[in-house]
Amino acid sequence: KIDETTWLTKIIVPNVKDGVINLQLRYGPRDLEDVTISGDINYITQFSSAYITFDPTSENLSGIAIGAADLTGNLMKTLNITPVSACTNNESDACAFKKIISCTKNPEYPTYYFRLADKPALIAKDNCLIIEGQGKDIVKAVDRLVLNWYGVMASSNGAANIIKPNMIDKGNITNINISKKTNFSGFKTNISN
């Protein structure tokens, strides 16, 4: 236990540095069984960069802030995906200089979209993964996604464990590139957006 809300989980992965990945989670698998999954939630991981977007006019953004921070750390550390902060609209100072991205207006961009909803869910559609919930439930949805990536919890379509030993310890990523990955190990990105 790291603090009152975060647990350190060690996952053994053969052929990676030290053979162990230290993963910070807020919930365990039993706590996440109510997170529903629709579509191929791993499809979006084939891109080297992805937008993380939300509606800045939503009320109670604390769960989204925690979920986005947790997702960002896991995308960078584990999947070699460079997260790019975005907003669905420009109606706040926080979004004044960010790209405006939504799954419906910009379906060509790989996007993780945090959306407030009554129940926690992961909904994949094309290049978009919608992470739903409110407060702690949206954080649960992120933990559910991460545990799917590690193969601890499979989704209903059976897809899980996309983590490969050569995906860990990526080195430096210096710029942003929205493109499909061609090399998971030690790649550098180029600006293209």
C-alpha atoms as a PDB file:
ATOM      1  CA  LYS A   1       0.000   0.000   0.000  1.00  0.00           C
ATOM      2  CA  ILE A   2       1.427   3.364  -1.054  1.00  0.00           C
ATOM      3  CA  ASP A   3      -1.172   5.583   0.622  1.00  0.00           C
ATOM      4  CA  GLU A   4      -4.855   5.462   1.532  1.00  0.00           C
ATOM      5  CA  THR A   5      -5.963   5.247  -2.111  1.00  0.00           C
ATOM      6  CA  THR A   6      -3.124   3.605  -4.040  1.00  0.00           C
ATOM      7  CA  TRP A   7      -1.716   0.082  -4.025  1.00  0.00           C
ATOM      8  CA  LEU A   8       1.552  -1.057  -5.535  1.00  0.00           C
ATOM      9  CA  THR A   9       1.100  -4.222  -7.552  1.00  0.00           C
ATOM     10  CA  LYS A  10       4.059  -6.165  -8.904  1.00  0.00           C
ATOM     11  CA  ILE A  11       3.460  -8.044 -12.124  1.00  0.00           C
ATOM     12  CA  ILE A  12       6.041 -10.559 -13.270  1.00  0.00           C
ATOM     13  CA  VAL A  13       6.848 -10.229 -16.955  1.00  0.00           C
ATOM     14  CA  PRO A  14       9.575 -12.459 -18.373  1.00  0.00           C
ATOM     15  CA  ASN A  15      12.400 -10.848 -20.341  1.00  0.00           C
ATOM     16  CA  VAL A  16      11.942  -7.300 -19.036  1.00  0.00           C
ATOM     17  CA  LYS A  17      14.351  -5.333 -16.926  1.00  0.00           C
ATOM     18  CA  ASP A  18      14.343  -6.940 -13.476  1.00  0.00           C
ATOM     19  CA  GLY A  19      11.454  -9.221 -14.612  1.00  0.00           C
ATOM     20  CA  VAL A  20       8.922  -7.135 -12.671  1.00  0.00           C
ATOM     21  CA  ILE A  21       6.680  -4.193 -13.503  1.00  0.00           C
ATOM     22  CA  ASN A  22       5.579  -2.034 -10.588  1.00  0.00           C
ATOM     23  CA  LEU A  23       2.010  -0.986 -11.228  1.00  0.00           C
ATOM     24  CA  GLN A  24       0.065   1.532  -9.166  1.00  0.00           C
ATOM     25  CA  LEU A  25      -3.642   0.786  -8.924  1.00  0.00           C
ATOM     26  CA  ARG A  26      -6.461   2.098  -6.796  1.00  0.00           C
ATOM     27  CA  TYR A  27      -8.709  -0.980  -7.097  1.00  0.00           C
ATOM     28  CA  GLY A  28      -8.327  -4.733  -7.350  1.00  0.00           C
ATOM     29  CA  PRO A  29     -10.029  -7.063  -9.844  1.00  0.00           C
ATOM     30  CA  ARG A  30     -12.974  -7.874  -7.536  1.00  0.00           C
ATOM     31  CA  ASP A  31     -13.727  -4.157  -7.240  1.00  0.00           C
ATOM     32  CA  LEU A  32     -13.845  -3.806 -11.028  1.00  0.00           C
ATOM     33  CA  GLU A  33     -16.252  -6.550 -12.057  1.00  0.00           C
ATOM     34  CA  ASP A  34     -19.078  -4.023 -12.542  1.00  0.00           C
ATOM     35  CA  VAL A  35     -17.173  -2.085 -15.231  1.00  0.00           C
ATOM     36  CA  THR A  36     -18.860  -2.968 -18.526  1.00  0.00           C
ATOM     37  CA  ILE A  37     -16.847  -3.318 -21.723  1.00  0.00           C
ATOM     38  CA  SER A  38     -18.035  -2.825 -25.275  1.00  0.00           C
ATOM     39  CA  GLY A  39     -15.854  -3.281 -28.353  1.00  0.00           C
ATOM     40  CA  ASP A  40     -12.132  -3.902 -28.777  1.00  0.00           C
ATOM     41  CA  ILE A  41     -10.639  -1.805 -25.991  1.00  0.00           C
ATOM     42  CA  ASN A  42      -7.097  -2.683 -27.118  1.00  0.00           C
ATOM     43  CA  TYR A  43      -7.411  -1.424 -30.707  1.00  0.00           C
ATOM     44  CA  ILE A  44      -6.335   2.114 -29.827  1.00  0.00           C
ATOM     45  CA  THR A  45      -3.040   0.889 -28.340  1.00  0.00           C
ATOM     46  CA  GLN A  46      -1.553   0.397 -31.824  1.00  0.00           C
ATOM     47  CA  PHE A  47      -0.880   4.146 -32.110  1.00  0.00           C
ATOM     48  CA  SER A  48       2.288   5.810 -30.820  1.00  0.00           C
ATOM     49  CA  SER A  49       0.355   8.848 -29.511  1.00  0.00           C
ATOM     50  CA  ALA A  50      -3.210   9.446 -28.435  1.00  0.00           C
ATOM     51  CA  TYR A  51      -5.337  12.318 -27.215  1.00  0.00           C
ATOM     52  CA  ILE A  52      -6.846  12.305 -23.756  1.00  0.00           C
ATOM     53  CA  THR A  53      -9.903  14.525 -23.864  1.00  0.00           C
ATOM     54  CA  PHE A  54     -12.799  15.581 -21.631  1.00  0.00           C
ATOM     55  CA  ASP A  55     -15.585  18.154 -21.477  1.00  0.00           C
ATOM     56  CA  PRO A  56     -14.271  21.027 -19.339  1.00  0.00           C
ATOM     57  CA  THR A  57     -17.815  22.239 -18.602  1.00  0.00           C
ATOM     58  CA  SER A  58     -18.689  19.005 -16.801  1.00  0.00           C
ATOM     59  CA  GLU A  59     -19.346  19.189 -13.091  1.00  0.00           C
ATOM     60  CA  ASN A  60     -17.145  17.381 -10.583  1.00  0.00           C
ATOM     61  CA  LEU A  61     -14.018  16.841 -12.640  1.00  0.00           C
ATOM     62  CA  SER A  62     -11.980  15.369  -9.761  1.00  0.00           C
ATOM     63  CA  GLY A  63     -12.577  11.755 -10.841  1.00  0.00           C
ATOM     64  CA  ILE A  64     -11.635  12.633 -14.415  1.00  0.00           C
ATOM     65  CA  ALA A  65      -8.456  14.350 -13.224  1.00  0.00           C
ATOM     66  CA  ILE A  66      -7.370  11.290 -11.217  1.00  0.00           C
ATOM     67  CA  GLY A  67      -8.363   8.878 -13.998  1.00  0.00           C
ATOM     68  CA  ALA A  68      -6.556  10.915 -16.664  1.00  0.00           C
ATOM     69  CA  ALA A  69      -3.399  11.086 -14.549  1.00  0.00           C
ATOM     70  CA  ASP A  70      -3.462   7.329 -13.931  1.00  0.00           C
ATOM     71  CA  LEU A  71      -4.120   6.614 -17.612  1.00  0.00           C
ATOM     72  CA  THR A  72      -1.328   8.960 -18.714  1.00  0.00           C
ATOM     73  CA  GLY A  73       1.213   7.230 -16.494  1.00  0.00           C
ATOM     74  CA  ASN A  74       0.286   3.791 -17.768  1.00  0.00           C
ATOM     75  CA  LEU A  75       0.224   4.827 -21.421  1.00  0.00           C
ATOM     76  CA  MET A  76       3.724   6.265 -21.164  1.00  0.00           C
ATOM     77  CA  LYS A  77       5.323   3.700 -18.871  1.00  0.00           C
ATOM     78  CA  THR A  78       3.840   0.544 -20.255  1.00  0.00           C
ATOM     79  CA  LEU A  79       2.636   1.021 -23.808  1.00  0.00           C
ATOM     80  CA  ASN A  80       5.079   3.613 -25.148  1.00  0.00           C
ATOM     81  CA  ILE A  81       2.140   5.813 -26.094  1.00  0.00           C
ATOM     82  CA  THR A  82       2.631   9.558 -25.844  1.00  0.00           C
ATOM     83  CA  PRO A  83      -0.524  11.093 -24.323  1.00  0.00           C
ATOM     84  CA  VAL A  84      -1.595  14.520 -25.578  1.00  0.00           C
ATOM     85  CA  SER A  85      -3.971  16.553 -23.434  1.00  0.00           C
ATOM     86  CA  ALA A  86      -7.039  17.910 -25.230  1.00  0.00           C
ATOM     87  CA  CYS A  87     -10.557  19.188 -24.554  1.00  0.00           C
ATOM     88  CA  THR A  88     -13.883  18.551 -26.283  1.00  0.00           C
ATOM     89  CA  ASN A  89     -14.592  22.298 -26.414  1.00  0.00           C
ATOM     90  CA  ASN A  90     -12.867  25.588 -25.649  1.00  0.00           C
ATOM     91  CA  GLU A  91     -15.045  26.900 -22.845  1.00  0.00           C
ATOM     92  CA  SER A  92     -12.487  27.253 -20.045  1.00  0.00           C
ATOM     93  CA  ASP A  93      -9.088  28.812 -19.426  1.00  0.00           C
ATOM     94  CA  ALA A  94      -7.619  25.319 -19.025  1.00  0.00           C
ATOM     95  CA  CYS A  95      -8.497  24.542 -22.644  1.00  0.00           C
ATOM     96  CA  ALA A  96      -7.512  27.856 -24.250  1.00  0.00           C
ATOM     97  CA  PHE A  97      -4.324  26.467 -25.798  1.00  0.00           C
ATOM     98  CA  LYS A  98      -5.255  22.793 -26.175  1.00  0.00           C
ATOM     99  CA  LYS A  99      -6.395  21.021 -29.295  1.00  0.00           C
ATOM    100  CA  ILE A 100     -10.172  20.581 -29.407  1.00  0.00           C
ATOM    101  CA  ILE A 101     -10.828  16.864 -29.948  1.00  0.00           C
ATOM    102  CA  SER A 102     -13.935  14.711 -29.694  1.00  0.00           C
ATOM    103  CA  CYS A 103     -14.685  11.244 -30.929  1.00  0.00           C
ATOM    104  CA  THR A 104     -17.467  12.458 -33.216  1.00  0.00           C
ATOM    105  CA  LYS A 105     -15.772  15.568 -34.637  1.00  0.00           C
ATOM    106  CA  ASN A 106     -12.304  14.021 -35.042  1.00  0.00           C
ATOM    107  CA  PRO A 107     -12.750  10.268 -35.539  1.00  0.00           C
ATOM    108  CA  GLU A 108      -9.390  10.027 -37.329  1.00  0.00           C
ATOM    109  CA  TYR A 109      -7.424  10.724 -34.124  1.00  0.00           C
ATOM    110  CA  PRO A 110      -6.793   8.011 -31.538  1.00  0.00           C
ATOM    111  CA  THR A 111      -8.608   9.377 -28.488  1.00  0.00           C
ATOM    112  CA  TYR A 112      -9.301   8.399 -24.896  1.00  0.00           C
ATOM    113  CA  TYR A 113     -12.446  10.327 -24.006  1.00  0.00           C
ATOM    114  CA  PHE A 114     -13.453  10.741 -20.356  1.00  0.00           C
ATOM    115  CA  ARG A 115     -17.232  11.101 -20.206  1.00  0.00           C
ATOM    116  CA  LEU A 116     -19.443  11.412 -17.148  1.00  0.00           C
ATOM    117  CA  ALA A 117     -22.051   8.653 -16.839  1.00  0.00           C
ATOM    118  CA  ASP A 118     -24.011   6.890 -14.112  1.00  0.00           C
ATOM    119  CA  LYS A 119     -22.082   3.607 -14.336  1.00  0.00           C
ATOM    120  CA  PRO A 120     -18.444   2.746 -15.087  1.00  0.00           C
ATOM    121  CA  ALA A 121     -17.811   1.527 -18.624  1.00  0.00           C
ATOM    122  CA  LEU A 122     -15.215   1.200 -21.380  1.00  0.00           C
ATOM    123  CA  ILE A 123     -16.679   1.692 -24.863  1.00  0.00           C
ATOM    124  CA  ALA A 124     -14.479   1.275 -27.927  1.00  0.00           C
ATOM    125  CA  LYS A 125     -15.596   2.676 -31.252  1.00  0.00           C
ATOM    126  CA  ASP A 126     -13.180   3.121 -34.150  1.00  0.00           C
ATOM    127  CA  ASN A 127     -10.203   5.193 -32.914  1.00  0.00           C
ATOM    128  CA  CYS A 128     -11.997   6.230 -29.734  1.00  0.00           C
ATOM    129  CA  LEU A 129     -12.073   4.641 -26.301  1.00  0.00           C
ATOM    130  CA  ILE A 130     -14.716   6.220 -24.095  1.00  0.00           C
ATOM    131  CA  ILE A 131     -14.039   5.903 -20.380  1.00  0.00           C
ATOM    132  CA  GLU A 132     -17.266   6.439 -18.452  1.00  0.00           C
ATOM    133  CA  GLY A 133     -18.248   6.899 -14.849  1.00  0.00           C
ATOM    134  CA  GLN A 134     -18.375   9.541 -12.148  1.00  0.00           C
ATOM    135  CA  GLY A 135     -15.985  10.161  -9.297  1.00  0.00           C
ATOM    136  CA  LYS A 136     -14.366   6.916  -8.192  1.00  0.00           C
ATOM    137  CA  ASP A 137     -16.223   4.917 -10.876  1.00  0.00           C
ATOM    138  CA  ILE A 138     -14.323   6.619 -13.702  1.00  0.00           C
ATOM    139  CA  VAL A 139     -11.073   5.753 -11.880  1.00  0.00           C
ATOM    140  CA  LYS A 140     -12.306   2.159 -11.613  1.00  0.00           C
ATOM    141  CA  ALA A 141     -12.811   2.100 -15.382  1.00  0.00           C
ATOM    142  CA  VAL A 142      -9.175   3.155 -15.897  1.00  0.00           C
ATOM    143  CA  ASP A 143      -7.915   0.443 -13.527  1.00  0.00           C
ATOM    144  CA  ARG A 144     -10.077  -2.101 -15.377  1.00  0.00           C
ATOM    145  CA  LEU A 145      -8.500  -1.048 -18.663  1.00  0.00           C
ATOM    146  CA  VAL A 146      -4.980  -1.347 -17.253  1.00  0.00           C
ATOM    147  CA  LEU A 147      -5.649  -4.795 -15.778  1.00  0.00           C
ATOM    148  CA  ASN A 148      -6.928  -5.884 -19.190  1.00  0.00           C
ATOM    149  CA  TRP A 149      -3.680  -4.700 -20.792  1.00  0.00           C
ATOM    150  CA  TYR A 150      -1.689  -6.863 -18.375  1.00  0.00           C
ATOM    151  CA  GLY A 151      -3.907  -9.894 -18.888  1.00  0.00           C
ATOM    152  CA  VAL A 152      -5.084  -9.900 -15.273  1.00  0.00           C
ATOM    153  CA  MET A 153      -8.689  -9.349 -16.376  1.00  0.00           C
ATOM    154  CA  ALA A 154      -9.771 -10.234 -19.913  1.00  0.00           C
ATOM    155  CA  SER A 155     -12.554  -8.359 -21.666  1.00  0.00           C
ATOM    156  CA  SER A 156     -15.670 -10.173 -22.859  1.00  0.00           C
ATOM    157  CA  ASN A 157     -14.178 -10.610 -26.339  1.00  0.00           C
ATOM    158  CA  GLY A 158     -11.207 -12.387 -24.768  1.00  0.00           C
ATOM    159  CA  ALA A 159      -8.644  -9.788 -25.841  1.00  0.00           C
ATOM    160  CA  ALA A 160      -6.103  -9.233 -23.114  1.00  0.00           C
ATOM    161  CA  ASN A 161      -2.430  -9.145 -22.319  1.00  0.00           C
ATOM    162  CA  ILE A 162      -1.176  -6.790 -24.990  1.00  0.00           C
ATOM    163  CA  ILE A 163       1.916  -6.030 -22.921  1.00  0.00           C
ATOM    164  CA  LYS A 164       5.029  -7.401 -24.581  1.00  0.00           C
ATOM    165  CA  PRO A 165       8.469  -7.459 -22.957  1.00  0.00           C
ATOM    166  CA  ASN A 166       9.972  -5.179 -25.597  1.00  0.00           C
ATOM    167  CA  MET A 167       7.304  -2.529 -24.908  1.00  0.00           C
ATOM    168  CA  ILE A 168       8.707  -1.744 -21.474  1.00  0.00           C
ATOM    169  CA  ASP A 169      11.355   0.928 -20.847  1.00  0.00           C
ATOM    170  CA  LYS A 170      10.877   2.956 -24.016  1.00  0.00           C
ATOM    171  CA  GLY A 171      13.622   5.543 -23.627  1.00  0.00           C
ATOM    172  CA  ASN A 172      13.083   9.154 -24.664  1.00  0.00           C
ATOM    173  CA  ILE A 173      10.067  10.375 -26.547  1.00  0.00           C
ATOM    174  CA  THR A 174      10.809  13.883 -27.681  1.00  0.00           C
ATOM    175  CA  ASN A 175       7.872  14.976 -29.862  1.00  0.00           C
ATOM    176  CA  ILE A 176       4.330  14.002 -30.824  1.00  0.00           C
ATOM    177  CA  ASN A 177       3.349  11.680 -33.658  1.00  0.00           C
ATOM    178  CA  ILE A 178      -0.137  10.357 -34.332  1.00  0.00           C
ATOM    179  CA  SER A 179       0.683   7.261 -36.353  1.00  0.00           C
ATOM    180  CA  LYS A 180       0.549   3.520 -36.065  1.00  0.00           C
ATOM    181  CA  LYS A 181       3.466   1.952 -34.264  1.00  0.00           C
ATOM    182  CA  THR A 182       6.078   0.283 -36.369  1.00  0.00           C
ATOM    183  CA  ASN A 183       8.671  -0.419 -33.701  1.00  0.00           C
ATOM    184  CA  PHE A 184       7.786  -0.923 -30.051  1.00  0.00           C
ATOM    185  CA  SER A 185      11.343  -0.705 -28.740  1.00  0.00           C
ATOM    186  CA  GLY A 186      13.292   2.523 -28.385  1.00  0.00           C
ATOM    187  CA  PHE A 187      11.482   4.495 -31.070  1.00  0.00           C
ATOM    188  CA  LYS A 188      11.543   8.256 -31.309  1.00  0.00           C
ATOM    189  CA  THR A 189       8.595  10.212 -32.582  1.00  0.00           C
ATOM    190  CA  ASN A 190       8.230  13.099 -35.032  1.00  0.00           C
ATOM    191  CA  ILE A 191       5.845  16.017 -35.028  1.00  0.00           C
ATOM    192  CA  SER A 192       2.981  15.439 -37.452  1.00  0.00           C
ATOM    193  CA  ASN A 193      -0.055  17.201 -35.991  1.00  0.00           C
END
